[in-house]
Amino acid sequence: MRRQKAQAWVEYIAFDYDVCKQVKALDPYAKVAYLSSDKAPEVLAQDGLDGLDYHVSVLKKNEAWLTEARQKQLSVNVWTVNDPVAMDWFLSHNVDFITTDEPEVLLGKVAN
């Protein structure tokens, strides 16, 4: 990324927590989010990560993590949200990103 001068264009995500921490160690300015859904936002913030990227079922079950992530200045991405009702729920909770197989449905919701 450095050689191509693309650092500002790249955000890293990984299922392996040690990989996330290693990317931050190599480049403290890199944007890194964790995917495996088994760590609370407090742990991510303590380790200097920038966000969480968790499965829809995990965030629905751990709703408090949405607030905690905001308090820790972590970005929140949720995947894979295909149900329109779930889309509404996550939009009402102001997540930063929603990964979906139904982009036309989600775009219709955010365009209103």
C-alpha atoms as a PDB file:
ATOM      1  CA  MET A   1       0.000   0.000   0.000  1.00  0.00           C
ATOM      2  CA  ARG A   2       2.823   2.389   0.798  1.00  0.00           C
ATOM      3  CA  ARG A   3       4.603   1.710  -2.483  1.00  0.00           C
ATOM      4  CA  GLN A   4       1.381   2.459  -4.379  1.00  0.00           C
ATOM      5  CA  LYS A   5       0.611   5.430  -2.080  1.00  0.00           C
ATOM      6  CA  ALA A   6      -2.834   3.945  -1.473  1.00  0.00           C
ATOM      7  CA  GLN A   7      -2.940   3.915   2.337  1.00  0.00           C
ATOM      8  CA  ALA A   8      -5.715   6.515   2.502  1.00  0.00           C
ATOM      9  CA  TRP A   9      -7.895   4.453   0.149  1.00  0.00           C
ATOM     10  CA  VAL A  10      -7.651   1.162   2.027  1.00  0.00           C
ATOM     11  CA  GLU A  11      -9.442  -0.206   5.065  1.00  0.00           C
ATOM     12  CA  TYR A  12      -8.461  -3.619   6.372  1.00  0.00           C
ATOM     13  CA  ILE A  13     -10.825  -6.268   7.737  1.00  0.00           C
ATOM     14  CA  ALA A  14      -9.884  -9.696   9.032  1.00  0.00           C
ATOM     15  CA  PHE A  15     -11.394 -12.623  10.899  1.00  0.00           C
ATOM     16  CA  ASP A  16      -8.084 -13.241  12.689  1.00  0.00           C
ATOM     17  CA  TYR A  17      -7.628 -10.874  15.631  1.00  0.00           C
ATOM     18  CA  ASP A  18      -3.852 -11.228  15.642  1.00  0.00           C
ATOM     19  CA  VAL A  19      -3.766 -10.192  11.976  1.00  0.00           C
ATOM     20  CA  CYS A  20      -5.757  -7.049  12.836  1.00  0.00           C
ATOM     21  CA  LYS A  21      -3.316  -6.169  15.600  1.00  0.00           C
ATOM     22  CA  GLN A  22      -0.339  -6.877  13.344  1.00  0.00           C
ATOM     23  CA  VAL A  23      -1.650  -4.539  10.628  1.00  0.00           C
ATOM     24  CA  LYS A  24      -1.983  -1.778  13.251  1.00  0.00           C
ATOM     25  CA  ALA A  25       1.532  -2.519  14.500  1.00  0.00           C
ATOM     26  CA  LEU A  26       2.904  -2.206  10.965  1.00  0.00           C
ATOM     27  CA  ASP A  27       0.880   0.917  10.196  1.00  0.00           C
ATOM     28  CA  PRO A  28      -0.698   2.733  13.165  1.00  0.00           C
ATOM     29  CA  TYR A  29      -2.642   4.957  10.753  1.00  0.00           C
ATOM     30  CA  ALA A  30      -4.268   2.031   8.924  1.00  0.00           C
ATOM     31  CA  LYS A  31      -8.031   1.651   9.378  1.00  0.00           C
ATOM     32  CA  VAL A  32      -8.623  -1.858  10.735  1.00  0.00           C
ATOM     33  CA  ALA A  33     -11.899  -3.576  11.650  1.00  0.00           C
ATOM     34  CA  TYR A  34     -12.396  -7.006  13.185  1.00  0.00           C
ATOM     35  CA  LEU A  35     -14.824  -9.534  11.669  1.00  0.00           C
ATOM     36  CA  SER A  36     -15.124 -12.547  13.980  1.00  0.00           C
ATOM     37  CA  SER A  37     -17.729 -11.102  16.360  1.00  0.00           C
ATOM     38  CA  ASP A  38     -16.261 -12.613  19.533  1.00  0.00           C
ATOM     39  CA  LYS A  39     -14.790  -9.474  21.093  1.00  0.00           C
ATOM     40  CA  ALA A  40     -16.586  -6.595  22.784  1.00  0.00           C
ATOM     41  CA  PRO A  41     -15.959  -3.082  21.471  1.00  0.00           C
ATOM     42  CA  GLU A  42     -13.993  -2.234  24.612  1.00  0.00           C
ATOM     43  CA  VAL A  43     -11.376  -4.859  23.712  1.00  0.00           C
ATOM     44  CA  LEU A  44     -11.088  -3.572  20.139  1.00  0.00           C
ATOM     45  CA  ALA A  45     -10.597  -0.013  21.377  1.00  0.00           C
ATOM     46  CA  GLN A  46      -7.996  -1.085  23.951  1.00  0.00           C
ATOM     47  CA  ASP A  47      -6.016  -2.773  21.195  1.00  0.00           C
ATOM     48  CA  GLY A  48      -6.206   0.287  18.938  1.00  0.00           C
ATOM     49  CA  LEU A  49      -8.495  -1.122  16.265  1.00  0.00           C
ATOM     50  CA  ASP A  50     -10.817   1.242  14.419  1.00  0.00           C
ATOM     51  CA  GLY A  51     -14.028  -0.706  14.081  1.00  0.00           C
ATOM     52  CA  LEU A  52     -16.055  -3.833  14.211  1.00  0.00           C
ATOM     53  CA  ASP A  53     -17.586  -5.635  11.271  1.00  0.00           C
ATOM     54  CA  TYR A  54     -19.960  -8.169  12.821  1.00  0.00           C
ATOM     55  CA  HIS A  55     -22.653 -10.527  11.601  1.00  0.00           C
ATOM     56  CA  VAL A  56     -26.245  -9.318  11.863  1.00  0.00           C
ATOM     57  CA  SER A  57     -27.165 -12.013  14.424  1.00  0.00           C
ATOM     58  CA  VAL A  58     -24.347 -11.009  16.770  1.00  0.00           C
ATOM     59  CA  LEU A  59     -25.249  -7.326  16.828  1.00  0.00           C
ATOM     60  CA  LYS A  60     -28.968  -8.047  17.250  1.00  0.00           C
ATOM     61  CA  LYS A  61     -28.086 -10.249  20.234  1.00  0.00           C
ATOM     62  CA  ASN A  62     -25.609  -7.712  21.669  1.00  0.00           C
ATOM     63  CA  GLU A  63     -27.414  -4.438  21.041  1.00  0.00           C
ATOM     64  CA  ALA A  64     -25.420  -2.685  23.776  1.00  0.00           C
ATOM     65  CA  TRP A  65     -22.294  -3.161  21.667  1.00  0.00           C
ATOM     66  CA  LEU A  66     -23.684  -0.589  19.210  1.00  0.00           C
ATOM     67  CA  THR A  67     -23.701   2.071  21.937  1.00  0.00           C
ATOM     68  CA  GLU A  68     -20.381   0.907  23.338  1.00  0.00           C
ATOM     69  CA  ALA A  69     -18.767   1.076  19.902  1.00  0.00           C
ATOM     70  CA  ARG A  70     -19.977   4.670  19.477  1.00  0.00           C
ATOM     71  CA  GLN A  71     -18.627   5.601  22.908  1.00  0.00           C
ATOM     72  CA  LYS A  72     -15.247   4.137  21.949  1.00  0.00           C
ATOM     73  CA  GLN A  73     -15.274   5.930  18.544  1.00  0.00           C
ATOM     74  CA  LEU A  74     -15.319   2.645  16.625  1.00  0.00           C
ATOM     75  CA  SER A  75     -16.953   2.315  13.240  1.00  0.00           C
ATOM     76  CA  VAL A  76     -19.751  -0.242  13.001  1.00  0.00           C
ATOM     77  CA  ASN A  77     -20.403  -2.438   9.992  1.00  0.00           C
ATOM     78  CA  VAL A  78     -23.017  -5.179  10.033  1.00  0.00           C
ATOM     79  CA  TRP A  79     -23.174  -8.102   7.583  1.00  0.00           C
ATOM     80  CA  THR A  80     -25.110  -9.573   5.800  1.00  0.00           C
ATOM     81  CA  VAL A  81     -28.412  -7.732   6.215  1.00  0.00           C
ATOM     82  CA  ASN A  82     -30.928  -8.782   3.567  1.00  0.00           C
ATOM     83  CA  ASP A  83     -34.170  -8.493   5.536  1.00  0.00           C
ATOM     84  CA  PRO A  84     -35.849  -5.068   5.070  1.00  0.00           C
ATOM     85  CA  VAL A  85     -37.032  -4.993   8.704  1.00  0.00           C
ATOM     86  CA  ALA A  86     -33.486  -5.671   9.919  1.00  0.00           C
ATOM     87  CA  MET A  87     -32.223  -2.935   7.598  1.00  0.00           C
ATOM     88  CA  ASP A  88     -34.628  -0.491   9.243  1.00  0.00           C
ATOM     89  CA  TRP A  89     -33.490  -1.588  12.701  1.00  0.00           C
ATOM     90  CA  PHE A  90     -29.811  -1.067  11.909  1.00  0.00           C
ATOM     91  CA  LEU A  91     -30.472   2.238  10.162  1.00  0.00           C
ATOM     92  CA  SER A  92     -32.341   3.421  13.259  1.00  0.00           C
ATOM     93  CA  HIS A  93     -29.266   2.482  15.298  1.00  0.00           C
ATOM     94  CA  ASN A  94     -27.029   4.594  13.031  1.00  0.00           C
ATOM     95  CA  VAL A  95     -24.537   1.947  11.977  1.00  0.00           C
ATOM     96  CA  ASP A  96     -21.838   3.222   9.646  1.00  0.00           C
ATOM     97  CA  PHE A  97     -22.045   0.468   7.046  1.00  0.00           C
ATOM     98  CA  ILE A  98     -24.482  -2.266   6.087  1.00  0.00           C
ATOM     99  CA  THR A  99     -23.314  -5.141   3.915  1.00  0.00           C
ATOM    100  CA  THR A 100     -26.194  -6.632   1.944  1.00  0.00           C
ATOM    101  CA  ASP A 101     -27.052  -8.813  -1.033  1.00  0.00           C
ATOM    102  CA  GLU A 102     -30.047  -6.512  -1.587  1.00  0.00           C
ATOM    103  CA  PRO A 103     -28.483  -3.106  -2.328  1.00  0.00           C
ATOM    104  CA  GLU A 104     -31.522  -1.832  -4.232  1.00  0.00           C
ATOM    105  CA  VAL A 105     -33.716  -2.374  -1.153  1.00  0.00           C
ATOM    106  CA  LEU A 106     -31.229  -0.646   1.142  1.00  0.00           C
ATOM    107  CA  LEU A 107     -30.679   2.238  -1.282  1.00  0.00           C
ATOM    108  CA  GLY A 108     -34.438   2.740  -1.423  1.00  0.00           C
ATOM    109  CA  LYS A 109     -34.489   3.077   2.345  1.00  0.00           C
ATOM    110  CA  VAL A 110     -31.630   5.551   2.636  1.00  0.00           C
ATOM    111  CA  ALA A 111     -32.837   7.648  -0.301  1.00  0.00           C
ATOM    112  CA  ASN A 112     -36.057   8.568   1.554  1.00  0.00           C
END
